[in-house]
Amino acid sequence: MNKTDISAKRARIGALLGNAVEYYDQSLYAYLAPFLAPVFFPTSDPVIGLILTYLLIPLGFISRPIGAYFIGDIGDYVGRKKALMISIIGMAVVTFTIGCLPTYAKVGAISPILLILCRVAQSFFVGAEFNGGAIYTLEHTPQQRHGIMSGLYSAGTVVGMLAASLIALVVSHYPFLTWRFPFFLSFLTTIVAWYLRYYMVETPLVEFRSRIKISFLQLLLKYKIDFLRIIIVAGLFNTIYTIPTIFLNTYIPMISNVSIENMLLLSSISLLIYMGSLVIFGVLSDVISVEKIMKIGALCIILLSYPLFCLLYNVSIIKIAIFKGIFAIIAGAFNGGFHAWVLNIFQYDHRYRGISLGYSLGSQIIGGMSPAICFWLWQKTQYIPSPSFYLMICGVVALCGISKLYRRSKLELSMPS
């Protein structure tokens, strides 16, 4: 193995492991939402408290795209490594701060206001993280292996999510004593991630970056159709993770006697299935086609969402396990090759900003809103399968976004040599 191969391998490992730690930080709030709701949003109606808590997940729909653009700008014109270092340091500081926040019982309305500010700041820094790390990883990977590396990269994020899920399971036994602990723990894990990224090599393409820097408006006009496609596809990407792994953890205990503790345990198991599915379908994306595999995943969402939600009538642990397992496989099919699919939309000197901005808008507006929307649908209709309607709509729209993807010439998309 020559020095170039060793450097590329270190680059991929640094990006993968650093991203896993970053997603531990990001997932904590979502998994701890059932415990944070009464602490920061105490109301007489627990559903209202949960809706308010979950609404903070997409609260950064403005700050996240702004962070995606400005940190992405650094990634395109200064260096991928520097942008990734900025995002992980920022996330560490904000996550630690959340663990220090006073509760509503101590300071009243100031408490949720501070939480809102932290969520906005967190969204800013994470805006360019997920896709930035994927771009960095794939740019150090041969094109014929983009599918498998896309799956492995997304699987790395699941490692962080799984760690957050397991920590939330521990907190569920002592919610009033230890809800702060996971946020403090994230500071220690971030030191490890920062160390890994500090020794990553820079992507060679920054030495050949565009001499003419285009503005935000020029970027939108040049890629307006592609932006729309990324937004709607990223929306389903986020939704099919959020609904079965976050929304159901609270939804099912409200419509049944299944405890939150059991739901968190089942979520951890389904995350393992999801992680394996991402890798398997990433491999298949290289063998068959990224677009074909993603279309199959979208079709499964459209056709199976309603019957799967019907399983929640007279729900049991076995039914929940089936529900989560099938959704984990479908999500793996759709999400596994996503980064390989989206990488070819933008040429290299606009790639970091373009992909990060499009994904941030879709994940926040369509995916991030999904728990609150699904709770609202159920509250208005009292019809258990009603959240499936939102998933089906997202599936139809995403299927349109994947179809007939315009691909620019190989010369325009390739890295300079």
Protein backbone atom coordinates (compact mmCIF):
# COMPACT_ATOMS: atom_id res chain seq x y z
CA MET A 1 0.00 0.00 0.00
CA ASN A 2 1.57 3.32 -1.14
CA LYS A 3 1.44 6.63 0.72
CA THR A 4 -1.50 7.88 -1.35
CA ASP A 5 -3.59 4.82 -0.43
CA ILE A 6 -2.67 5.16 3.25
CA SER A 7 -3.63 8.86 3.25
CA ALA A 8 -6.94 8.08 1.56
CA LYS A 9 -7.68 5.35 4.10
CA ARG A 10 -6.89 7.65 7.02
CA ALA A 11 -9.09 10.33 5.48
CA ARG A 12 -12.06 7.96 5.24
CA ILE A 13 -11.58 6.63 8.79
CA GLY A 14 -11.27 10.15 10.20
CA ALA A 15 -14.43 11.31 8.46
CA LEU A 16 -16.42 8.18 9.37
CA LEU A 17 -15.50 8.12 13.06
CA GLY A 18 -15.76 11.87 13.45
CA ASN A 19 -19.23 11.80 11.93
CA ALA A 20 -20.33 9.03 14.31
CA VAL A 21 -19.37 11.18 17.30
CA GLU A 22 -21.07 14.22 15.76
CA TYR A 23 -24.32 12.31 15.32
CA TYR A 24 -24.26 11.16 18.91
CA ASP A 25 -24.41 14.85 19.83
CA GLN A 26 -27.16 15.63 17.34
CA SER A 27 -29.37 12.65 18.25
CA LEU A 28 -29.39 13.24 21.99
CA TYR A 29 -32.11 15.88 21.92
CA ALA A 30 -34.47 13.77 19.82
CA TYR A 31 -34.09 10.66 21.97
CA LEU A 32 -34.38 12.60 25.22
CA ALA A 33 -37.43 14.60 24.04
CA PRO A 34 -39.92 12.62 26.21
CA PHE A 35 -37.85 13.53 29.28
CA LEU A 36 -37.07 17.11 28.27
CA ALA A 37 -40.72 18.02 27.54
CA PRO A 38 -41.87 18.17 31.19
CA VAL A 39 -38.63 19.91 32.22
CA PHE A 40 -38.74 22.75 29.68
CA PHE A 41 -42.39 22.76 28.51
CA PRO A 42 -44.57 21.72 31.48
CA THR A 43 -48.26 21.78 30.42
CA SER A 44 -51.48 20.15 31.58
CA ASP A 45 -51.68 18.31 28.24
CA PRO A 46 -48.63 16.07 27.68
CA VAL A 47 -49.30 15.92 23.92
CA ILE A 48 -48.96 19.71 23.66
CA GLY A 49 -45.69 19.57 25.59
CA LEU A 50 -44.35 16.92 23.21
CA ILE A 51 -45.44 18.85 20.14
CA LEU A 52 -43.61 21.93 21.43
CA THR A 53 -40.52 19.85 22.20
CA TYR A 54 -40.48 18.17 18.80
CA LEU A 55 -41.06 21.48 17.04
CA LEU A 56 -37.61 22.53 18.28
CA ILE A 57 -36.07 19.79 16.12
CA PRO A 58 -36.79 21.70 12.87
CA LEU A 59 -36.52 25.10 14.58
CA GLY A 60 -33.21 25.62 12.85
CA PHE A 61 -34.83 25.58 9.41
CA ILE A 62 -33.30 29.04 9.00
CA SER A 63 -30.03 28.67 10.92
CA ARG A 64 -29.21 25.23 9.50
CA PRO A 65 -29.26 26.32 5.82
CA ILE A 66 -27.30 29.44 6.79
CA GLY A 67 -24.69 27.27 8.50
CA ALA A 68 -24.69 24.90 5.52
CA TYR A 69 -23.96 27.75 3.16
CA PHE A 70 -21.33 29.65 5.17
CA ILE A 71 -19.46 26.60 6.47
CA GLY A 72 -19.91 25.02 3.05
CA ASP A 73 -18.34 28.15 1.56
CA ILE A 74 -15.28 27.46 3.70
CA GLY A 75 -15.35 23.84 2.55
CA ASP A 76 -15.40 24.81 -1.14
CA TYR A 77 -12.90 27.68 -1.11
CA VAL A 78 -10.63 27.08 1.90
CA GLY A 79 -10.73 23.35 2.58
CA ARG A 80 -13.01 20.44 3.47
CA LYS A 81 -10.98 19.65 6.60
CA LYS A 82 -11.20 23.17 8.03
CA ALA A 83 -14.98 23.25 7.53
CA LEU A 84 -15.40 19.90 9.31
CA MET A 85 -13.23 21.07 12.21
CA ILE A 86 -15.36 24.20 12.67
CA SER A 87 -18.60 22.22 12.69
CA ILE A 88 -17.50 19.69 15.29
CA ILE A 89 -16.09 22.30 17.70
CA GLY A 90 -19.26 24.36 17.45
CA MET A 91 -21.48 21.32 18.07
CA ALA A 92 -19.43 20.37 21.13
CA VAL A 93 -19.81 23.76 22.78
CA VAL A 94 -23.56 23.97 22.15
CA THR A 95 -24.33 20.42 23.27
CA PHE A 96 -22.40 20.94 26.50
CA THR A 97 -24.33 24.17 27.07
CA ILE A 98 -27.69 22.35 26.76
CA GLY A 99 -26.62 20.12 29.63
CA CYS A 100 -26.04 23.23 31.76
CA LEU A 101 -29.40 24.91 31.12
CA PRO A 102 -31.67 25.72 34.09
CA THR A 103 -35.12 24.11 34.12
CA TYR A 104 -38.51 25.82 33.79
CA ALA A 105 -39.15 25.20 37.49
CA LYS A 106 -36.12 27.34 38.40
CA VAL A 107 -36.20 30.27 35.96
CA GLY A 108 -39.59 30.05 34.23
CA ALA A 109 -39.95 31.07 30.58
CA ILE A 110 -36.24 31.89 30.30
CA SER A 111 -35.51 28.16 30.31
CA PRO A 112 -37.27 27.23 27.01
CA ILE A 113 -35.94 30.44 25.43
CA LEU A 114 -32.37 29.38 26.21
CA LEU A 115 -33.12 25.91 24.86
CA ILE A 116 -34.44 27.45 21.65
CA LEU A 117 -31.26 29.52 21.24
CA CYS A 118 -29.12 26.42 21.76
CA ARG A 119 -31.10 24.47 19.19
CA VAL A 120 -30.70 27.28 16.67
CA ALA A 121 -26.93 27.37 17.27
CA GLN A 122 -26.69 23.59 17.09
CA SER A 123 -28.53 23.57 13.77
CA PHE A 124 -26.13 26.18 12.39
CA PHE A 125 -23.05 24.04 13.04
CA VAL A 126 -24.58 20.73 11.98
CA GLY A 127 -25.79 22.27 8.70
CA ALA A 128 -22.63 21.38 6.81
CA GLU A 129 -21.55 18.35 8.87
CA PHE A 130 -23.38 15.30 7.52
CA ASN A 131 -22.93 15.99 3.83
CA GLY A 132 -19.55 17.64 4.25
CA GLY A 133 -18.12 14.48 5.79
CA ALA A 134 -19.71 12.37 3.05
CA ILE A 135 -18.28 14.60 0.32
CA TYR A 136 -14.85 14.38 1.93
CA THR A 137 -15.10 10.58 2.18
CA LEU A 138 -16.27 9.98 -1.39
CA GLU A 139 -13.68 12.35 -2.83
CA HIS A 140 -11.07 9.99 -1.36
CA THR A 141 -12.81 6.91 -2.81
CA PRO A 142 -12.72 5.46 -6.35
CA GLN A 143 -15.98 6.16 -8.22
CA GLN A 144 -16.83 2.46 -8.65
CA ARG A 145 -16.98 2.15 -4.83
CA HIS A 146 -19.06 5.25 -4.12
CA GLY A 147 -22.15 3.19 -3.29
CA ILE A 148 -20.52 1.07 -0.58
CA MET A 149 -18.73 4.08 0.93
CA SER A 150 -21.99 6.02 0.94
CA GLY A 151 -23.61 3.15 2.84
CA LEU A 152 -20.69 2.85 5.26
CA TYR A 153 -20.67 6.58 5.91
CA SER A 154 -24.39 6.63 6.72
CA ALA A 155 -23.90 3.51 8.85
CA GLY A 156 -21.27 5.46 10.79
CA THR A 157 -23.91 8.03 11.70
CA VAL A 158 -26.08 5.20 13.00
CA VAL A 159 -23.29 4.25 15.41
CA GLY A 160 -23.65 7.71 16.96
CA MET A 161 -27.46 7.45 16.95
CA LEU A 162 -27.28 4.02 18.56
CA ALA A 163 -25.02 5.34 21.30
CA ALA A 164 -27.49 8.17 21.93
CA SER A 165 -30.38 5.67 21.97
CA LEU A 166 -28.65 3.45 24.50
CA ILE A 167 -27.81 6.45 26.70
CA ALA A 168 -31.47 7.53 26.52
CA LEU A 169 -32.46 4.02 27.63
CA VAL A 170 -30.29 4.46 30.74
CA VAL A 171 -31.77 7.91 31.35
CA SER A 172 -35.30 6.45 31.12
CA HIS A 173 -34.67 4.69 34.43
CA TYR A 174 -33.49 7.87 36.18
CA PRO A 175 -34.96 10.80 34.13
CA PHE A 176 -34.82 13.44 36.85
CA LEU A 177 -31.30 12.60 37.97
CA THR A 178 -29.35 11.97 34.80
CA TRP A 179 -30.90 13.78 31.80
CA ARG A 180 -27.94 16.21 31.84
CA PHE A 181 -25.31 13.47 31.87
CA PRO A 182 -25.48 12.53 28.14
CA PHE A 183 -24.89 16.13 27.11
CA PHE A 184 -21.80 16.38 29.31
CA LEU A 185 -20.54 13.05 27.98
CA SER A 186 -20.68 14.43 24.45
CA PHE A 187 -17.92 16.91 25.29
CA LEU A 188 -15.52 14.04 25.99
CA THR A 189 -16.45 12.19 22.81
CA THR A 190 -15.94 15.35 20.79
CA ILE A 191 -12.33 15.60 21.97
CA VAL A 192 -11.76 12.20 20.34
CA ALA A 193 -13.49 13.29 17.12
CA TRP A 194 -11.50 16.54 17.02
CA TYR A 195 -8.26 14.59 17.38
CA LEU A 196 -9.19 12.28 14.48
CA ARG A 197 -10.07 15.18 12.21
CA TYR A 198 -6.99 17.17 13.13
CA TYR A 199 -4.83 14.52 11.46
CA MET A 200 -6.98 14.12 8.34
CA VAL A 201 -5.38 15.11 5.03
CA GLU A 202 -6.95 17.91 3.04
CA THR A 203 -8.85 17.10 -0.15
CA PRO A 204 -6.49 17.79 -3.08
CA LEU A 205 -9.14 19.67 -5.06
CA VAL A 206 -8.88 22.77 -2.86
CA GLU A 207 -5.55 23.47 -4.53
CA PHE A 208 -7.49 23.87 -7.79
CA ARG A 209 -10.53 25.67 -6.44
CA SER A 210 -12.47 27.94 -8.77
CA ARG A 211 -10.85 31.30 -9.37
CA ILE A 212 -14.27 32.91 -9.78
CA LYS A 213 -16.42 32.63 -6.67
CA ILE A 214 -20.14 32.64 -7.48
CA SER A 215 -22.69 34.27 -5.19
CA PHE A 216 -25.54 32.62 -3.35
CA LEU A 217 -28.07 33.85 -5.94
CA GLN A 218 -25.92 32.63 -8.83
CA LEU A 219 -25.63 29.23 -7.17
CA LEU A 220 -29.42 28.97 -6.79
CA LEU A 221 -30.07 30.04 -10.38
CA LYS A 222 -27.49 27.67 -11.82
CA TYR A 223 -28.80 24.64 -9.92
CA LYS A 224 -32.45 25.57 -9.24
CA ILE A 225 -33.93 22.26 -10.46
CA ASP A 226 -31.23 20.22 -8.75
CA PHE A 227 -31.79 22.12 -5.49
CA LEU A 228 -35.46 21.19 -5.60
CA ARG A 229 -34.61 17.53 -6.18
CA ILE A 230 -32.17 17.42 -3.29
CA ILE A 231 -34.68 19.11 -0.98
CA ILE A 232 -37.50 16.63 -1.61
CA VAL A 233 -35.25 13.55 -1.62
CA ALA A 234 -33.51 14.68 1.59
CA GLY A 235 -36.96 15.22 3.09
CA LEU A 236 -37.84 11.54 2.72
CA PHE A 237 -34.31 10.54 3.77
CA ASN A 238 -34.86 12.26 7.12
CA THR A 239 -38.53 11.34 7.52
CA ILE A 240 -38.10 7.57 7.18
CA TYR A 241 -35.51 7.70 9.95
CA THR A 242 -37.38 10.13 12.20
CA ILE A 243 -40.83 8.51 12.18
CA PRO A 244 -39.97 4.91 13.19
CA THR A 245 -37.03 5.69 15.48
CA ILE A 246 -38.11 8.93 17.21
CA PHE A 247 -41.83 9.60 16.72
CA LEU A 248 -42.92 6.03 17.54
CA ASN A 249 -40.98 6.04 20.82
CA THR A 250 -43.57 8.47 22.18
CA TYR A 251 -46.55 7.71 19.95
CA ILE A 252 -46.94 4.03 20.78
CA PRO A 253 -46.82 4.49 24.60
CA MET A 254 -49.63 7.06 24.20
CA ILE A 255 -51.92 4.68 22.27
CA SER A 256 -51.01 1.51 24.15
CA ASN A 257 -49.57 0.11 27.37
CA VAL A 258 -46.10 -0.37 25.88
CA SER A 259 -43.53 1.53 27.98
CA ILE A 260 -41.03 4.07 26.72
CA GLU A 261 -38.25 1.83 28.03
CA ASN A 262 -39.37 -1.02 25.76
CA MET A 263 -39.66 1.36 22.82
CA LEU A 264 -36.12 2.62 23.32
CA LEU A 265 -34.82 -0.95 23.47
CA LEU A 266 -36.65 -1.85 20.24
CA SER A 267 -35.30 1.32 18.65
CA SER A 268 -31.75 0.25 19.45
CA ILE A 269 -32.37 -3.11 17.79
CA SER A 270 -33.96 -1.51 14.72
CA LEU A 271 -30.97 0.83 14.43
CA LEU A 272 -28.71 -2.23 14.14
CA ILE A 273 -30.92 -3.54 11.33
CA TYR A 274 -30.85 -0.12 9.68
CA MET A 275 -27.06 0.04 9.93
CA GLY A 276 -26.67 -3.35 8.25
CA SER A 277 -29.21 -2.43 5.56
CA LEU A 278 -27.30 0.75 4.69
CA VAL A 279 -24.15 -1.23 3.97
CA ILE A 280 -25.93 -4.00 2.03
CA PHE A 281 -27.87 -1.61 -0.19
CA GLY A 282 -24.77 0.53 -0.60
CA VAL A 283 -23.04 -2.50 -2.13
CA LEU A 284 -26.07 -3.20 -4.33
CA SER A 285 -26.00 0.42 -5.49
CA ASP A 286 -22.55 -0.19 -6.99
CA VAL A 287 -23.68 -3.44 -8.60
CA ILE A 288 -27.10 -2.38 -9.91
CA SER A 289 -27.71 1.37 -9.82
CA VAL A 290 -28.06 3.96 -7.07
CA GLU A 291 -31.21 5.41 -8.59
CA LYS A 292 -32.91 2.02 -9.04
CA ILE A 293 -32.30 1.01 -5.43
CA MET A 294 -33.56 4.39 -4.15
CA LYS A 295 -36.70 4.13 -6.31
CA ILE A 296 -37.45 0.70 -4.85
CA GLY A 297 -37.14 2.18 -1.35
CA ALA A 298 -39.49 5.06 -2.20
CA LEU A 299 -42.06 2.68 -3.72
CA CYS A 300 -41.98 0.53 -0.58
CA ILE A 301 -42.71 3.61 1.54
CA ILE A 302 -45.70 4.46 -0.66
CA LEU A 303 -47.12 0.93 -0.67
CA LEU A 304 -46.31 -0.31 2.84
CA SER A 305 -46.66 2.70 5.17
CA TYR A 306 -50.41 2.37 5.67
CA PRO A 307 -50.52 -1.41 6.27
CA LEU A 308 -47.56 -1.14 8.65
CA PHE A 309 -49.28 1.56 10.72
CA CYS A 310 -52.38 -0.64 10.84
CA LEU A 311 -50.26 -3.08 12.86
CA LEU A 312 -50.46 -0.59 15.71
CA TYR A 313 -54.06 -1.57 16.43
CA ASN A 314 -53.98 -3.91 19.44
CA VAL A 315 -50.27 -3.41 19.38
CA SER A 316 -47.79 -5.88 20.87
CA ILE A 317 -44.02 -6.07 21.20
CA ILE A 318 -43.88 -8.48 18.24
CA LYS A 319 -45.90 -6.13 16.02
CA ILE A 320 -43.70 -3.20 16.95
CA ALA A 321 -40.58 -5.25 16.19
CA ILE A 322 -41.97 -6.18 12.76
CA PHE A 323 -42.92 -2.56 12.08
CA LYS A 324 -39.51 -1.19 13.03
CA GLY A 325 -37.59 -3.99 11.30
CA ILE A 326 -39.35 -3.52 7.95
CA PHE A 327 -38.98 0.24 8.12
CA ALA A 328 -35.27 -0.14 8.93
CA ILE A 329 -34.75 -2.24 5.78
CA ILE A 330 -36.73 0.18 3.58
CA ALA A 331 -34.84 3.15 5.01
CA GLY A 332 -31.55 1.37 4.31
CA ALA A 333 -32.57 0.86 0.69
CA PHE A 334 -33.47 4.51 0.15
CA ASN A 335 -30.69 6.09 2.21
CA GLY A 336 -27.79 3.72 1.54
CA GLY A 337 -26.69 5.20 -1.78
CA PHE A 338 -27.93 8.74 -1.17
CA HIS A 339 -24.49 10.35 -0.97
CA ALA A 340 -23.34 8.63 -4.17
CA TRP A 341 -26.52 9.88 -5.87
CA VAL A 342 -26.23 13.47 -4.71
CA LEU A 343 -22.46 13.82 -5.27
CA ASN A 344 -22.88 13.97 -9.07
CA ILE A 345 -25.33 16.86 -9.02
CA PHE A 346 -22.83 19.65 -8.33
CA GLN A 347 -19.42 20.21 -9.85
CA TYR A 348 -16.56 20.02 -7.34
CA ASP A 349 -16.06 23.75 -6.62
CA HIS A 350 -19.72 24.27 -5.61
CA ARG A 351 -20.34 20.84 -4.14
CA TYR A 352 -19.99 21.48 -0.41
CA ARG A 353 -22.33 24.50 -0.37
CA GLY A 354 -24.84 23.11 -2.83
CA ILE A 355 -25.36 19.67 -1.32
CA SER A 356 -25.27 20.89 2.29
CA LEU A 357 -27.74 23.70 1.62
CA GLY A 358 -30.21 21.51 -0.29
CA TYR A 359 -30.06 18.72 2.29
CA SER A 360 -30.47 21.15 5.19
CA LEU A 361 -33.63 22.66 3.69
CA GLY A 362 -35.19 19.27 2.94
CA SER A 363 -34.27 17.63 6.23
CA GLN A 364 -35.60 20.57 8.24
CA ILE A 365 -38.74 21.55 6.34
CA ILE A 366 -39.95 18.07 5.35
CA GLY A 367 -38.17 15.63 7.66
CA GLY A 368 -37.67 17.67 10.81
CA MET A 369 -41.33 18.67 10.94
CA SER A 370 -42.54 15.08 10.62
CA PRO A 371 -42.94 14.18 14.36
CA ALA A 372 -44.94 17.36 15.08
CA ILE A 373 -47.06 16.91 11.93
CA CYS A 374 -47.76 13.26 12.74
CA PHE A 375 -48.78 14.10 16.30
CA TRP A 376 -51.06 16.82 14.93
CA LEU A 377 -52.66 14.38 12.45
CA TRP A 378 -53.35 11.88 15.21
CA GLN A 379 -54.64 14.53 17.60
CA LYS A 380 -57.07 15.88 14.98
CA THR A 381 -58.29 12.53 13.62
CA GLN A 382 -57.70 10.09 16.50
CA TYR A 383 -57.01 7.65 13.64
CA ILE A 384 -53.97 5.51 14.47
CA PRO A 385 -52.67 5.04 10.87
CA SER A 386 -53.00 8.77 10.07
CA PRO A 387 -49.20 9.44 10.24
CA SER A 388 -48.77 7.05 7.30
CA PHE A 389 -50.45 9.59 5.00
CA TYR A 390 -47.58 12.01 5.52
CA LEU A 391 -45.04 9.29 4.75
CA MET A 392 -46.87 8.30 1.58
CA ILE A 393 -46.95 11.88 0.32
CA CYS A 394 -43.21 12.25 1.03
CA GLY A 395 -42.58 9.00 -0.83
CA VAL A 396 -44.46 10.10 -3.95
CA VAL A 397 -42.69 13.47 -4.05
CA ALA A 398 -39.24 11.91 -3.48
CA LEU A 399 -39.84 9.35 -6.23
CA CYS A 400 -40.41 12.23 -8.64
CA GLY A 401 -37.20 13.86 -7.41
CA ILE A 402 -35.08 10.77 -8.06
CA SER A 403 -36.44 10.17 -11.56
CA LYS A 404 -34.60 11.47 -14.60
CA LEU A 405 -31.76 13.00 -12.64
CA TYR A 406 -29.78 15.23 -14.94
CA ARG A 407 -26.10 14.31 -14.90
CA ARG A 408 -23.43 16.69 -16.08
CA SER A 409 -20.44 15.58 -18.09
CA LYS A 410 -17.77 13.49 -16.44
CA LEU A 411 -15.21 16.24 -17.18
CA GLU A 412 -17.27 18.85 -15.31
CA LEU A 413 -17.88 16.67 -12.25
CA SER A 414 -14.48 15.03 -11.83
CA MET A 415 -11.79 16.24 -9.49
CA PRO A 416 -8.84 18.05 -11.11
CA SER A 417 -5.77 15.92 -11.46
